[in-house]
């Protein structure tokens, strides 16, 4: 892989990862509730899901989704339902994705929540399948190149997680008033519902 191709990939990923999406919103809201340190298990869950999807993409799993009629739609419906469910829970100020009392939740619970948010969008798999190969030099060993791209993507994603977590931690001090917190919960809940709805009606 040429250096200029890798730098172009980094630039594209910085923009892509920084764009607000379900993962970033989940990290933000966990940080609001728990502080940035408390949101670390959720970050780990989201990152594990991302690396799993990217690795599966590099291994060609997306071809299975394309070859098996209806499988992608099933995954899309399940992912959409999960995101919409998160949105309704947030709107009603219940457990996920924003837990006022979640400091007592075990780390495994927070990790699982982050993983489910990250893995709930099967379109990421097909996107990665179309995106990653654009930066691969076919004349060189591909496994190492894919490993470099996946590691780079994960590192950039981590940096954005940290930025959103620190932002959420700073935002928390402004959400001590119940009315402000209620509107914050409703706004983030509405955004999660929007993500799920967009995934549900999307056409690939």
Protein backbone atom coordinates (compact mmCIF):
# COMPACT_ATOMS: atom_id res chain seq x y z
CA UNK A 1 0.00 0.00 0.00
CA UNK A 2 1.41 3.36 -1.01
CA UNK A 3 1.82 6.01 1.68
CA UNK A 4 -0.41 8.48 -0.18
CA UNK A 5 -3.18 5.86 -0.32
CA UNK A 6 -2.94 5.34 3.43
CA UNK A 7 -3.00 9.09 4.10
CA UNK A 8 -6.06 9.45 1.90
CA UNK A 9 -7.68 6.62 3.85
CA UNK A 10 -6.87 8.36 7.15
CA UNK A 11 -8.41 11.62 5.93
CA UNK A 12 -11.57 9.86 4.79
CA UNK A 13 -11.89 7.91 8.04
CA UNK A 14 -11.40 11.02 10.21
CA UNK A 15 -14.40 12.62 8.52
CA UNK A 16 -16.41 9.40 8.47
CA UNK A 17 -15.87 8.53 12.14
CA UNK A 18 -16.43 12.08 13.34
CA UNK A 19 -19.88 12.23 11.76
CA UNK A 20 -22.48 11.77 14.54
CA UNK A 21 -24.01 8.30 14.44
CA UNK A 22 -25.41 5.70 16.85
CA UNK A 23 -21.98 4.80 18.27
CA UNK A 24 -20.97 8.39 18.95
CA UNK A 25 -24.36 9.27 20.40
CA UNK A 26 -24.21 6.23 22.68
CA UNK A 27 -20.74 7.20 23.93
CA UNK A 28 -21.89 10.79 24.46
CA UNK A 29 -24.92 9.79 26.51
CA UNK A 30 -23.01 7.24 28.56
CA UNK A 31 -20.43 9.89 29.35
CA UNK A 32 -23.16 12.32 30.40
CA UNK A 33 -24.46 9.74 32.87
CA UNK A 34 -21.19 8.20 34.05
CA UNK A 35 -18.35 10.56 33.21
CA UNK A 36 -15.73 9.73 30.61
CA UNK A 37 -14.08 7.02 32.72
CA UNK A 38 -17.40 5.34 33.36
CA UNK A 39 -18.12 5.25 29.64
CA UNK A 40 -14.95 3.26 28.84
CA UNK A 41 -16.73 -0.15 28.83
CA UNK A 42 -19.30 1.21 26.38
CA UNK A 43 -16.47 2.50 24.18
CA UNK A 44 -14.86 -0.93 24.28
CA UNK A 45 -18.14 -2.54 23.27
CA UNK A 46 -18.68 -0.19 20.34
CA UNK A 47 -15.08 -0.63 19.21
CA UNK A 48 -15.28 -4.43 19.45
CA UNK A 49 -18.39 -4.38 17.26
CA UNK A 50 -16.69 -2.10 14.74
CA UNK A 51 -13.56 -4.26 14.49
CA UNK A 52 -15.73 -7.38 14.22
CA UNK A 53 -17.64 -5.88 11.30
CA UNK A 54 -14.51 -4.64 9.55
CA UNK A 55 -12.75 -7.97 10.00
CA UNK A 56 -15.80 -9.84 8.74
CA UNK A 57 -15.91 -7.53 5.76
CA UNK A 58 -12.26 -8.17 4.97
CA UNK A 59 -12.95 -11.91 5.27
CA UNK A 60 -15.75 -11.69 2.72
CA UNK A 61 -18.77 -12.21 4.95
CA UNK A 62 -20.64 -9.50 3.06
CA UNK A 63 -20.69 -11.83 0.07
CA UNK A 64 -22.76 -14.24 2.17
CA UNK A 65 -25.29 -11.52 2.92
CA UNK A 66 -25.50 -10.75 -0.78
CA UNK A 67 -25.81 -14.39 -1.80
CA UNK A 68 -28.48 -15.43 0.73
CA UNK A 69 -31.81 -13.78 -0.17
CA UNK A 70 -33.52 -12.10 2.74
CA UNK A 71 -30.68 -12.48 5.27
CA UNK A 72 -29.61 -8.85 5.04
CA UNK A 73 -33.20 -7.67 5.46
CA UNK A 74 -33.60 -9.79 8.59
CA UNK A 75 -30.46 -8.26 10.10
CA UNK A 76 -31.59 -4.80 9.03
CA UNK A 77 -34.97 -5.21 10.74
CA UNK A 78 -33.39 -6.52 13.94
CA UNK A 79 -30.88 -3.66 14.00
CA UNK A 80 -33.57 -1.06 13.33
CA UNK A 81 -35.80 -2.47 16.09
CA UNK A 82 -32.93 -2.33 18.59
CA UNK A 83 -32.10 1.31 17.81
CA UNK A 84 -35.75 2.34 17.92
CA UNK A 85 -36.08 0.54 21.26
CA UNK A 86 -33.11 2.49 22.63
CA UNK A 87 -34.76 5.68 21.44
CA UNK A 88 -38.07 4.96 23.17
CA UNK A 89 -36.29 4.03 26.39
CA UNK A 90 -34.33 7.28 26.32
CA UNK A 91 -37.47 9.29 25.50
CA UNK A 92 -39.19 7.79 28.54
CA UNK A 93 -36.00 8.29 30.60
CA UNK A 94 -35.54 4.57 31.25
CA UNK A 95 -32.47 2.36 31.27
CA UNK A 96 -30.75 2.60 27.87
CA UNK A 97 -29.04 4.43 26.38
CA UNK A 98 -29.00 7.03 29.16
CA UNK A 99 -28.97 5.75 32.73
CA UNK A 100 -29.01 8.35 35.47
CA UNK A 101 -28.28 5.61 38.00
CA UNK A 102 -26.17 3.44 35.74
CA UNK A 103 -23.00 3.99 37.75
CA UNK A 104 -24.01 0.83 39.61
CA UNK A 105 -24.33 -1.23 36.41
CA UNK A 106 -21.60 -3.83 35.88
CA UNK A 107 -19.02 -3.17 33.23
CA UNK A 108 -20.19 -6.23 31.30
CA UNK A 109 -23.64 -4.64 30.98
CA UNK A 110 -22.16 -1.41 29.64
CA UNK A 111 -19.88 -3.31 27.27
CA UNK A 112 -22.80 -5.35 25.97
CA UNK A 113 -24.87 -2.23 25.40
CA UNK A 114 -22.09 -0.61 23.39
CA UNK A 115 -21.51 -3.78 21.39
CA UNK A 116 -25.20 -4.12 20.51
CA UNK A 117 -25.39 -0.50 19.37
CA UNK A 118 -22.29 -0.97 17.22
CA UNK A 119 -23.32 -4.29 15.71
CA UNK A 120 -26.96 -3.32 15.09
CA UNK A 121 -26.28 -1.70 11.71
CA UNK A 122 -25.64 -4.43 9.10
CA UNK A 123 -25.20 -1.78 6.40
CA UNK A 124 -21.78 -1.08 7.92
CA UNK A 125 -20.69 -4.49 6.67
CA UNK A 126 -21.59 -3.78 3.08
CA UNK A 127 -20.19 -0.25 3.34
CA UNK A 128 -16.88 -1.57 4.62
CA UNK A 129 -16.79 -4.14 1.83
CA UNK A 130 -17.10 -1.37 -0.74
CA UNK A 131 -14.84 1.11 1.09
CA UNK A 132 -11.78 -0.83 2.25
CA UNK A 133 -10.82 -2.40 -1.11
CA UNK A 134 -10.50 1.05 -2.66
CA UNK A 135 -7.22 1.49 -0.76
CA UNK A 136 -5.76 -1.96 -1.38
CA UNK A 137 -2.86 -2.51 -3.76
CA UNK A 138 -3.70 -5.76 -5.56
CA UNK A 139 -0.04 -6.31 -6.42
CA UNK A 140 0.93 -6.63 -2.74
CA UNK A 141 -0.15 -9.10 -0.02
CA UNK A 142 -3.70 -8.13 0.85
CA UNK A 143 -4.05 -9.59 4.35
CA UNK A 144 -1.46 -7.23 5.83
CA UNK A 145 -2.99 -4.25 4.03
CA UNK A 146 -6.46 -5.06 5.34
CA UNK A 147 -5.00 -5.43 8.85
CA UNK A 148 -3.39 -1.97 8.57
CA UNK A 149 -6.63 -0.41 7.35
CA UNK A 150 -8.72 -2.02 10.08
CA UNK A 151 -6.22 -0.99 12.77
CA UNK A 152 -6.14 2.57 11.42
CA UNK A 153 -9.94 2.75 11.34
CA UNK A 154 -10.11 1.47 14.93
CA UNK A 155 -7.52 3.99 16.16
CA UNK A 156 -9.30 6.94 14.57
CA UNK A 157 -12.62 5.70 15.95
CA UNK A 158 -11.07 5.54 19.44
CA UNK A 159 -9.88 9.13 19.19
CA UNK A 160 -13.37 10.26 18.26
CA UNK A 161 -14.84 8.19 21.12
CA UNK A 162 -12.54 10.06 23.49
CA UNK A 163 -13.60 13.42 22.04
CA UNK A 164 -17.31 12.61 22.38
CA UNK A 165 -16.81 11.16 25.88
CA UNK A 166 -15.01 14.28 27.08
CA UNK A 167 -17.71 16.41 25.48
CA UNK A 168 -20.42 14.43 27.25
CA UNK A 169 -18.62 14.71 30.56
CA UNK A 170 -18.46 18.48 30.14
CA UNK A 171 -22.09 18.59 29.08
CA UNK A 172 -23.24 16.71 32.19
CA UNK A 173 -22.79 19.70 34.48
CA UNK A 174 -25.41 21.57 32.44
CA UNK A 175 -27.95 18.75 32.75
CA UNK A 176 -28.45 18.78 36.51
CA UNK A 177 -31.80 20.55 36.16
CA UNK A 178 -34.54 17.91 35.66
CA UNK A 179 -36.27 19.83 32.87
CA UNK A 180 -33.06 20.30 30.89
CA UNK A 181 -32.17 16.64 31.40
CA UNK A 182 -35.64 15.57 30.26
CA UNK A 183 -35.29 17.51 27.02
CA UNK A 184 -31.82 16.09 26.49
CA UNK A 185 -33.18 12.56 26.94
CA UNK A 186 -35.99 13.26 24.50
CA UNK A 187 -33.66 14.79 21.93
CA UNK A 188 -31.24 11.87 22.01
CA UNK A 189 -34.10 9.41 22.08
CA UNK A 190 -35.56 11.04 19.00
CA UNK A 191 -32.21 10.82 17.23
CA UNK A 192 -31.90 7.11 18.02
CA UNK A 193 -35.43 6.54 16.70
CA UNK A 194 -34.42 8.47 13.58
CA UNK A 195 -31.35 6.24 13.10
CA UNK A 196 -33.48 3.12 13.45
CA UNK A 197 -36.16 4.42 11.12
CA UNK A 198 -33.60 5.40 8.49
CA UNK A 199 -32.08 1.92 8.70
CA UNK A 200 -35.53 0.35 8.39
CA UNK A 201 -36.56 2.26 5.26
CA UNK A 202 -33.11 2.25 3.62
CA UNK A 203 -32.70 0.43 0.35
CA UNK A 204 -29.39 -1.16 -0.51
